[in-house]
Amino acid sequence: MKNTNVNLKKILRTTAARFALMWIALLSSGYAIASQGTVIDKATGKPIAGAVVATSWSGYVPIAVQTLFVCYDLEVTTTDQLGRFTISTFGKFRPFLQNKNRSIDVIASGYETDRSSKDLDYVMVPRQGTKSEQFEKANRYQRNAGCPDDKKKMLPFMKAVYKDLASLALTKKELDTADSLLWQIETIELGQKIANENSDKRELERIKQDNNLKNIQEQINTAPVLSPEAPRQQLEPAHFVPNPADT
């Protein structure tokens, strides 16, 4: 009987250990438990397809001197035709982090997140303000760009942000900001050398366009001003003088 109890305890311990290892492995994968959300247009109530959703997980690493804030996982997904998206509930398993937090950013071209959004149900409204004000709102989404270890994870989100910035950029500063993000995208996809070359080409093209605009403006400013045509002098009606021979 004693041996039976010992064997039973061993089996239970082994089973518990295997279950714990399996659970840890599932959590470590980052996809053990999924959550579903939606993105809709507030005015119409219709789903927004193709919206890009970036979810990041962060926490604090306790160390001797001070705590270190880290972003330890990131997922990027796109909404389907019904405006739905799926993300992991907990992200990757990080047992030694404290005060873990999940942050979600949704970008849909021309939209911003409305305050009525809650949980994983995101309500979007058209961006308001001038072009420059809309540009600043779109530009804030770059804050997650440095989160993942694998930068390629962030590419779909970065491209969506760049598309928005490029359509709104007006001033030289805004154009430079958009080009800087494009340089980051091309660095990840093509390598830094090619990204630098492409950025230089775009800069030269902008300089060329600026010079062309300056030349056109100078031509307009230096062109002679044509005075309006003087009114034509009306001719007096001719007086009929009879021929003496006819009289």
C-alpha atoms as a PDB file:
ATOM      1  CA  MET A   1       0.000   0.000   0.000  1.00  0.00           C
ATOM      2  CA  LYS A   2       2.886   2.308   0.860  1.00  0.00           C
ATOM      3  CA  ASN A   3       4.512   1.724  -2.533  1.00  0.00           C
ATOM      4  CA  THR A   4       1.204   2.441  -4.246  1.00  0.00           C
ATOM      5  CA  ASN A   5       0.920   5.833  -2.514  1.00  0.00           C
ATOM      6  CA  VAL A   6       4.526   6.696  -3.416  1.00  0.00           C
ATOM      7  CA  ASN A   7       3.966   5.812  -7.051  1.00  0.00           C
ATOM      8  CA  LEU A   8       0.734   7.816  -7.117  1.00  0.00           C
ATOM      9  CA  LYS A   9       2.511  10.882  -5.698  1.00  0.00           C
ATOM     10  CA  LYS A  10       5.252  10.548  -8.331  1.00  0.00           C
ATOM     11  CA  ILE A  11       2.660  10.337 -11.103  1.00  0.00           C
ATOM     12  CA  LEU A  12       0.825  13.392  -9.771  1.00  0.00           C
ATOM     13  CA  ARG A  13       4.057  15.377  -9.460  1.00  0.00           C
ATOM     14  CA  THR A  14       5.131  14.391 -12.960  1.00  0.00           C
ATOM     15  CA  THR A  15       1.729  15.251 -14.413  1.00  0.00           C
ATOM     16  CA  ALA A  16       1.671  18.617 -12.623  1.00  0.00           C
ATOM     17  CA  ALA A  17       5.194  19.418 -13.811  1.00  0.00           C
ATOM     18  CA  ARG A  18       4.342  18.536 -17.401  1.00  0.00           C
ATOM     19  CA  PHE A  19       1.156  20.613 -17.257  1.00  0.00           C
ATOM     20  CA  ALA A  20       3.080  23.571 -15.826  1.00  0.00           C
ATOM     21  CA  LEU A  21       5.732  23.315 -18.539  1.00  0.00           C
ATOM     22  CA  MET A  22       3.085  23.064 -21.235  1.00  0.00           C
ATOM     23  CA  TRP A  23       1.255  26.123 -19.847  1.00  0.00           C
ATOM     24  CA  ILE A  24       4.493  28.136 -19.674  1.00  0.00           C
ATOM     25  CA  ALA A  25       5.330  27.143 -23.244  1.00  0.00           C
ATOM     26  CA  LEU A  26       1.913  28.241 -24.431  1.00  0.00           C
ATOM     27  CA  LEU A  27       2.160  31.573 -22.656  1.00  0.00           C
ATOM     28  CA  SER A  28       5.699  32.071 -23.944  1.00  0.00           C
ATOM     29  CA  SER A  29       4.444  31.728 -27.491  1.00  0.00           C
ATOM     30  CA  GLY A  30       2.313  34.831 -26.975  1.00  0.00           C
ATOM     31  CA  TYR A  31      -0.719  33.306 -28.687  1.00  0.00           C
ATOM     32  CA  ALA A  32      -2.162  31.037 -25.989  1.00  0.00           C
ATOM     33  CA  ILE A  33      -5.248  33.095 -25.315  1.00  0.00           C
ATOM     34  CA  ALA A  34      -6.689  35.413 -27.953  1.00  0.00           C
ATOM     35  CA  SER A  35      -8.917  38.448 -27.658  1.00  0.00           C
ATOM     36  CA  GLN A  36     -11.032  39.900 -30.446  1.00  0.00           C
ATOM     37  CA  GLY A  37     -11.766  43.564 -31.069  1.00  0.00           C
ATOM     38  CA  THR A  38     -13.517  45.742 -33.640  1.00  0.00           C
ATOM     39  CA  VAL A  39     -12.898  49.035 -35.421  1.00  0.00           C
ATOM     40  CA  ILE A  40     -15.911  51.007 -36.660  1.00  0.00           C
ATOM     41  CA  ASP A  41     -16.757  54.411 -38.127  1.00  0.00           C
ATOM     42  CA  LYS A  42     -18.665  56.440 -35.512  1.00  0.00           C
ATOM     43  CA  ALA A  43     -20.773  58.370 -38.012  1.00  0.00           C
ATOM     44  CA  THR A  44     -21.975  55.390 -40.039  1.00  0.00           C
ATOM     45  CA  GLY A  45     -21.534  52.538 -37.582  1.00  0.00           C
ATOM     46  CA  LYS A  46     -19.920  50.548 -40.387  1.00  0.00           C
ATOM     47  CA  PRO A  47     -16.770  48.461 -39.869  1.00  0.00           C
ATOM     48  CA  ILE A  48     -13.447  49.827 -41.078  1.00  0.00           C
ATOM     49  CA  ALA A  49     -11.530  47.192 -43.034  1.00  0.00           C
ATOM     50  CA  GLY A  50      -7.775  47.425 -43.410  1.00  0.00           C
ATOM     51  CA  ALA A  51      -7.152  49.403 -40.210  1.00  0.00           C
ATOM     52  CA  VAL A  52      -3.761  48.516 -38.736  1.00  0.00           C
ATOM     53  CA  VAL A  53      -3.635  47.603 -35.031  1.00  0.00           C
ATOM     54  CA  ALA A  54      -0.365  47.629 -33.059  1.00  0.00           C
ATOM     55  CA  THR A  55      -0.423  46.051 -29.598  1.00  0.00           C
ATOM     56  CA  SER A  56       2.565  46.378 -27.274  1.00  0.00           C
ATOM     57  CA  TRP A  57       3.249  44.896 -23.842  1.00  0.00           C
ATOM     58  CA  SER A  58       5.545  46.616 -21.380  1.00  0.00           C
ATOM     59  CA  GLY A  59       6.643  46.347 -17.773  1.00  0.00           C
ATOM     60  CA  TYR A  60       9.333  47.177 -15.237  1.00  0.00           C
ATOM     61  CA  VAL A  61      12.414  45.075 -14.522  1.00  0.00           C
ATOM     62  CA  PRO A  62      13.386  45.336 -10.846  1.00  0.00           C
ATOM     63  CA  ILE A  63      17.143  45.886 -10.470  1.00  0.00           C
ATOM     64  CA  ALA A  64      19.355  46.887  -7.555  1.00  0.00           C
ATOM     65  CA  VAL A  65      19.511  50.640  -8.187  1.00  0.00           C
ATOM     66  CA  GLN A  66      16.315  51.427 -10.059  1.00  0.00           C
ATOM     67  CA  THR A  67      13.574  49.826 -12.096  1.00  0.00           C
ATOM     68  CA  LEU A  68      14.007  49.597 -15.867  1.00  0.00           C
ATOM     69  CA  PHE A  69      11.029  50.115 -18.180  1.00  0.00           C
ATOM     70  CA  VAL A  70      10.987  47.718 -21.135  1.00  0.00           C
ATOM     71  CA  CYS A  71       8.677  46.961 -24.030  1.00  0.00           C
ATOM     72  CA  TYR A  72       8.932  43.188 -24.293  1.00  0.00           C
ATOM     73  CA  ASP A  73       6.442  42.174 -26.972  1.00  0.00           C
ATOM     74  CA  LEU A  74       4.529  43.617 -29.900  1.00  0.00           C
ATOM     75  CA  GLU A  75       1.934  42.362 -32.357  1.00  0.00           C
ATOM     76  CA  VAL A  76       0.649  44.054 -35.492  1.00  0.00           C
ATOM     77  CA  THR A  77      -2.499  42.933 -37.251  1.00  0.00           C
ATOM     78  CA  THR A  78      -5.062  44.267 -39.749  1.00  0.00           C
ATOM     79  CA  THR A  79      -8.854  44.377 -39.487  1.00  0.00           C
ATOM     80  CA  ASP A  80     -10.897  42.160 -41.793  1.00  0.00           C
ATOM     81  CA  GLN A  81     -13.931  43.141 -43.876  1.00  0.00           C
ATOM     82  CA  LEU A  82     -16.074  43.205 -40.726  1.00  0.00           C
ATOM     83  CA  GLY A  83     -13.620  45.468 -38.918  1.00  0.00           C
ATOM     84  CA  ARG A  84     -12.490  42.660 -36.595  1.00  0.00           C
ATOM     85  CA  PHE A  85      -8.983  41.971 -35.323  1.00  0.00           C
ATOM     86  CA  THR A  86      -7.477  39.354 -33.024  1.00  0.00           C
ATOM     87  CA  ILE A  87      -4.590  39.832 -30.588  1.00  0.00           C
ATOM     88  CA  SER A  88      -3.004  37.846 -27.784  1.00  0.00           C
ATOM     89  CA  THR A  89      -4.504  38.498 -24.374  1.00  0.00           C
ATOM     90  CA  PHE A  90      -1.283  38.477 -22.367  1.00  0.00           C
ATOM     91  CA  GLY A  91       1.591  38.668 -24.840  1.00  0.00           C
ATOM     92  CA  LYS A  92       4.713  36.615 -24.270  1.00  0.00           C
ATOM     93  CA  PHE A  93       5.328  35.143 -20.828  1.00  0.00           C
ATOM     94  CA  ARG A  94       7.672  37.349 -18.765  1.00  0.00           C
ATOM     95  CA  PRO A  95       7.477  36.174 -15.122  1.00  0.00           C
ATOM     96  CA  PHE A  96       9.987  38.648 -13.660  1.00  0.00           C
ATOM     97  CA  LEU A  97       8.402  41.855 -14.958  1.00  0.00           C
ATOM     98  CA  GLN A  98       6.300  44.052 -12.712  1.00  0.00           C
ATOM     99  CA  ASN A  99       3.349  46.349 -13.474  1.00  0.00           C
ATOM    100  CA  LYS A 100       2.771  44.830 -16.904  1.00  0.00           C
ATOM    101  CA  ASN A 101       0.716  46.950 -19.258  1.00  0.00           C
ATOM    102  CA  ARG A 102      -0.872  46.478 -22.680  1.00  0.00           C
ATOM    103  CA  SER A 103      -1.123  49.417 -25.081  1.00  0.00           C
ATOM    104  CA  ILE A 104      -3.050  49.422 -28.363  1.00  0.00           C
ATOM    105  CA  ASP A 105      -2.799  51.911 -31.244  1.00  0.00           C
ATOM    106  CA  VAL A 106      -5.185  51.836 -34.195  1.00  0.00           C
ATOM    107  CA  ILE A 107      -4.468  53.700 -37.409  1.00  0.00           C
ATOM    108  CA  ALA A 108      -6.939  54.070 -40.245  1.00  0.00           C
ATOM    109  CA  SER A 109      -6.110  56.628 -42.918  1.00  0.00           C
ATOM    110  CA  GLY A 110      -7.821  59.944 -42.214  1.00  0.00           C
ATOM    111  CA  TYR A 111      -9.224  58.826 -38.845  1.00  0.00           C
ATOM    112  CA  GLU A 112      -8.414  59.250 -35.174  1.00  0.00           C
ATOM    113  CA  THR A 113      -9.618  57.254 -32.171  1.00  0.00           C
ATOM    114  CA  ASP A 114     -12.718  58.642 -30.481  1.00  0.00           C
ATOM    115  CA  ARG A 115     -13.025  58.922 -26.709  1.00  0.00           C
ATOM    116  CA  SER A 116     -16.090  56.685 -26.750  1.00  0.00           C
ATOM    117  CA  SER A 117     -13.839  53.701 -27.544  1.00  0.00           C
ATOM    118  CA  LYS A 118     -13.657  51.128 -24.751  1.00  0.00           C
ATOM    119  CA  ASP A 119     -11.922  47.829 -24.126  1.00  0.00           C
ATOM    120  CA  LEU A 120     -11.184  46.400 -27.588  1.00  0.00           C
ATOM    121  CA  ASP A 121     -14.020  48.163 -29.410  1.00  0.00           C
ATOM    122  CA  TYR A 122     -12.498  51.138 -31.212  1.00  0.00           C
ATOM    123  CA  VAL A 123     -14.654  53.941 -32.563  1.00  0.00           C
ATOM    124  CA  MET A 124     -13.021  56.151 -35.185  1.00  0.00           C
ATOM    125  CA  VAL A 125     -13.842  59.693 -36.293  1.00  0.00           C
ATOM    126  CA  PRO A 126     -12.352  61.804 -39.116  1.00  0.00           C
ATOM    127  CA  ARG A 127      -9.317  63.828 -38.052  1.00  0.00           C
ATOM    128  CA  GLN A 128     -10.131  67.459 -37.423  1.00  0.00           C
ATOM    129  CA  GLY A 129      -8.062  70.627 -37.831  1.00  0.00           C
ATOM    130  CA  THR A 130      -5.660  72.058 -40.374  1.00  0.00           C
ATOM    131  CA  LYS A 131      -3.310  69.904 -42.408  1.00  0.00           C
ATOM    132  CA  SER A 132      -0.492  70.638 -39.970  1.00  0.00           C
ATOM    133  CA  GLU A 133      -2.666  69.771 -36.955  1.00  0.00           C
ATOM    134  CA  GLN A 134      -3.723  66.509 -38.590  1.00  0.00           C
ATOM    135  CA  PHE A 135      -0.074  65.805 -39.380  1.00  0.00           C
ATOM    136  CA  GLU A 136       0.869  66.151 -35.709  1.00  0.00           C
ATOM    137  CA  LYS A 137      -1.914  63.767 -34.696  1.00  0.00           C
ATOM    138  CA  ALA A 138      -0.782  61.175 -37.230  1.00  0.00           C
ATOM    139  CA  ASN A 139       2.877  61.585 -36.268  1.00  0.00           C
ATOM    140  CA  ARG A 140       2.331  60.563 -32.631  1.00  0.00           C
ATOM    141  CA  TYR A 141       1.849  56.932 -33.685  1.00  0.00           C
ATOM    142  CA  GLN A 142       5.597  56.494 -34.153  1.00  0.00           C
ATOM    143  CA  ARG A 143       6.103  55.966 -30.419  1.00  0.00           C
ATOM    144  CA  ASN A 144       5.946  52.149 -30.703  1.00  0.00           C
ATOM    145  CA  ALA A 145       8.479  51.946 -33.536  1.00  0.00           C
ATOM    146  CA  GLY A 146      11.344  50.981 -31.191  1.00  0.00           C
ATOM    147  CA  CYS A 147       9.452  48.293 -29.270  1.00  0.00           C
ATOM    148  CA  PRO A 148      10.009  44.900 -30.925  1.00  0.00           C
ATOM    149  CA  ASP A 149      13.324  43.112 -31.190  1.00  0.00           C
ATOM    150  CA  ASP A 150      12.361  42.092 -34.710  1.00  0.00           C
ATOM    151  CA  LYS A 151      11.781  45.431 -36.455  1.00  0.00           C
ATOM    152  CA  LYS A 152      10.020  43.700 -39.341  1.00  0.00           C
ATOM    153  CA  LYS A 153       7.061  43.137 -37.034  1.00  0.00           C
ATOM    154  CA  MET A 154       6.369  46.858 -37.045  1.00  0.00           C
ATOM    155  CA  LEU A 155       6.597  47.377 -40.816  1.00  0.00           C
ATOM    156  CA  PRO A 156       2.836  47.237 -41.634  1.00  0.00           C
ATOM    157  CA  PHE A 157       2.123  49.844 -38.953  1.00  0.00           C
ATOM    158  CA  MET A 158       5.042  52.070 -39.963  1.00  0.00           C
ATOM    159  CA  LYS A 159       3.918  51.968 -43.609  1.00  0.00           C
ATOM    160  CA  ALA A 160       0.371  52.942 -42.642  1.00  0.00           C
ATOM    161  CA  VAL A 161       1.698  55.885 -40.614  1.00  0.00           C
ATOM    162  CA  TYR A 162       3.987  56.971 -43.472  1.00  0.00           C
ATOM    163  CA  LYS A 163       1.128  56.867 -45.979  1.00  0.00           C
ATOM    164  CA  ASP A 164      -0.847  59.217 -43.740  1.00  0.00           C
ATOM    165  CA  LEU A 165       2.082  61.560 -43.110  1.00  0.00           C
ATOM    166  CA  ALA A 166       3.028  61.758 -46.796  1.00  0.00           C
ATOM    167  CA  SER A 167      -0.525  62.775 -47.730  1.00  0.00           C
ATOM    168  CA  LEU A 168      -0.558  65.569 -45.125  1.00  0.00           C
ATOM    169  CA  ALA A 169       3.001  66.951 -45.243  1.00  0.00           C
ATOM    170  CA  LEU A 170       3.228  70.545 -46.463  1.00  0.00           C
ATOM    171  CA  THR A 171       6.158  72.305 -44.793  1.00  0.00           C
ATOM    172  CA  LYS A 172       9.816  71.338 -45.165  1.00  0.00           C
ATOM    173  CA  LYS A 173       9.849  70.107 -41.570  1.00  0.00           C
ATOM    174  CA  GLU A 174       6.839  67.870 -42.195  1.00  0.00           C
ATOM    175  CA  LEU A 175       8.313  66.539 -45.450  1.00  0.00           C
ATOM    176  CA  ASP A 176      11.580  65.772 -43.617  1.00  0.00           C
ATOM    177  CA  THR A 177       9.659  63.952 -40.868  1.00  0.00           C
ATOM    178  CA  ALA A 178       7.797  61.805 -43.398  1.00  0.00           C
ATOM    179  CA  ASP A 179      11.030  61.071 -45.267  1.00  0.00           C
ATOM    180  CA  SER A 180      12.727  60.092 -42.004  1.00  0.00           C
ATOM    181  CA  LEU A 181      10.054  57.455 -41.399  1.00  0.00           C
ATOM    182  CA  LEU A 182      10.381  56.215 -44.981  1.00  0.00           C
ATOM    183  CA  TRP A 183      14.142  55.936 -44.415  1.00  0.00           C
ATOM    184  CA  GLN A 184      13.481  53.743 -41.348  1.00  0.00           C
ATOM    185  CA  ILE A 185      11.146  51.522 -43.370  1.00  0.00           C
ATOM    186  CA  GLU A 186      13.642  51.129 -46.215  1.00  0.00           C
ATOM    187  CA  THR A 187      16.476  50.481 -43.753  1.00  0.00           C
ATOM    188  CA  ILE A 188      14.545  47.504 -42.367  1.00  0.00           C
ATOM    189  CA  GLU A 189      13.505  46.192 -45.786  1.00  0.00           C
ATOM    190  CA  LEU A 190      16.478  47.061 -48.004  1.00  0.00           C
ATOM    191  CA  GLY A 191      19.405  47.827 -45.709  1.00  0.00           C
ATOM    192  CA  GLN A 192      20.900  51.120 -44.589  1.00  0.00           C
ATOM    193  CA  LYS A 193      23.064  51.682 -47.679  1.00  0.00           C
ATOM    194  CA  ILE A 194      20.162  51.576 -50.138  1.00  0.00           C
ATOM    195  CA  ALA A 195      17.956  53.535 -47.722  1.00  0.00           C
ATOM    196  CA  ASN A 196      20.586  56.300 -47.581  1.00  0.00           C
ATOM    197  CA  GLU A 197      20.891  56.393 -51.368  1.00  0.00           C
ATOM    198  CA  ASN A 198      17.108  56.601 -51.821  1.00  0.00           C
ATOM    199  CA  SER A 199      16.848  59.341 -49.213  1.00  0.00           C
ATOM    200  CA  ASP A 200      19.579  61.367 -50.965  1.00  0.00           C
ATOM    201  CA  LYS A 201      17.778  61.010 -54.298  1.00  0.00           C
ATOM    202  CA  ARG A 202      14.522  62.245 -52.776  1.00  0.00           C
ATOM    203  CA  GLU A 203      16.335  65.215 -51.227  1.00  0.00           C
ATOM    204  CA  LEU A 204      17.906  66.158 -54.565  1.00  0.00           C
ATOM    205  CA  GLU A 205      14.531  65.869 -56.272  1.00  0.00           C
ATOM    206  CA  ARG A 206      12.961  68.191 -53.687  1.00  0.00           C
ATOM    207  CA  ILE A 207      15.785  70.712 -54.164  1.00  0.00           C
ATOM    208  CA  LYS A 208      15.288  70.558 -57.921  1.00  0.00           C
ATOM    209  CA  GLN A 209      11.548  71.145 -57.551  1.00  0.00           C
ATOM    210  CA  ASP A 210      12.164  74.057 -55.162  1.00  0.00           C
ATOM    211  CA  ASN A 211      14.585  75.643 -57.658  1.00  0.00           C
ATOM    212  CA  ASN A 212      12.082  75.238 -60.471  1.00  0.00           C
ATOM    213  CA  LEU A 213       9.412  76.926 -58.380  1.00  0.00           C
ATOM    214  CA  LYS A 214      11.807  79.775 -57.531  1.00  0.00           C
ATOM    215  CA  ASN A 215      12.670  80.268 -61.226  1.00  0.00           C
ATOM    216  CA  ILE A 216       9.007  80.383 -62.167  1.00  0.00           C
ATOM    217  CA  GLN A 217       8.323  82.912 -59.409  1.00  0.00           C
ATOM    218  CA  GLU A 218      11.263  85.078 -60.510  1.00  0.00           C
ATOM    219  CA  GLN A 219      10.018  85.026 -64.094  1.00  0.00           C
ATOM    220  CA  ILE A 220       6.615  86.154 -62.913  1.00  0.00           C
ATOM    221  CA  ASN A 221       8.097  88.935 -60.775  1.00  0.00           C
ATOM    222  CA  THR A 222      10.427  90.254 -63.525  1.00  0.00           C
ATOM    223  CA  ALA A 223       8.018  90.010 -66.444  1.00  0.00           C
ATOM    224  CA  PRO A 224       7.144  93.434 -67.981  1.00  0.00           C
ATOM    225  CA  VAL A 225       3.764  94.760 -67.072  1.00  0.00           C
ATOM    226  CA  LEU A 226       1.700  95.408 -70.169  1.00  0.00           C
ATOM    227  CA  SER A 227      -0.326  98.606 -70.038  1.00  0.00           C
ATOM    228  CA  PRO A 228      -3.943  98.284 -71.028  1.00  0.00           C
ATOM    229  CA  GLU A 229      -4.683  99.100 -74.636  1.00  0.00           C
ATOM    230  CA  ALA A 230      -5.528 102.763 -75.167  1.00  0.00           C
ATOM    231  CA  PRO A 231      -9.090 103.347 -76.282  1.00  0.00           C
ATOM    232  CA  ARG A 232      -9.365 103.729 -79.976  1.00  0.00           C
ATOM    233  CA  GLN A 233     -10.075 107.277 -81.213  1.00  0.00           C
ATOM    234  CA  GLN A 234     -13.441 107.460 -82.763  1.00  0.00           C
ATOM    235  CA  LEU A 235     -13.386 108.813 -86.331  1.00  0.00           C
ATOM    236  CA  GLU A 236     -15.655 111.688 -87.066  1.00  0.00           C
ATOM    237  CA  PRO A 237     -18.147 111.031 -89.854  1.00  0.00           C
ATOM    238  CA  ALA A 238     -16.906 112.269 -93.258  1.00  0.00           C
ATOM    239  CA  HIS A 239     -18.636 115.383 -94.629  1.00  0.00           C
ATOM    240  CA  PHE A 240     -20.022 115.038 -98.181  1.00  0.00           C
ATOM    241  CA  VAL A 241     -18.571 117.682-100.481  1.00  0.00           C
ATOM    242  CA  PRO A 242     -20.449 117.911-103.798  1.00  0.00           C
ATOM    243  CA  ASN A 243     -18.439 117.818-107.013  1.00  0.00           C
ATOM    244  CA  PRO A 244     -18.808 121.158-108.949  1.00  0.00           C
ATOM    245  CA  ALA A 245     -19.013 119.218-112.160  1.00  0.00           C
ATOM    246  CA  ASP A 246     -22.196 117.593-110.985  1.00  0.00           C
ATOM    247  CA  THR A 247     -23.957 120.875-110.369  1.00  0.00           C
END
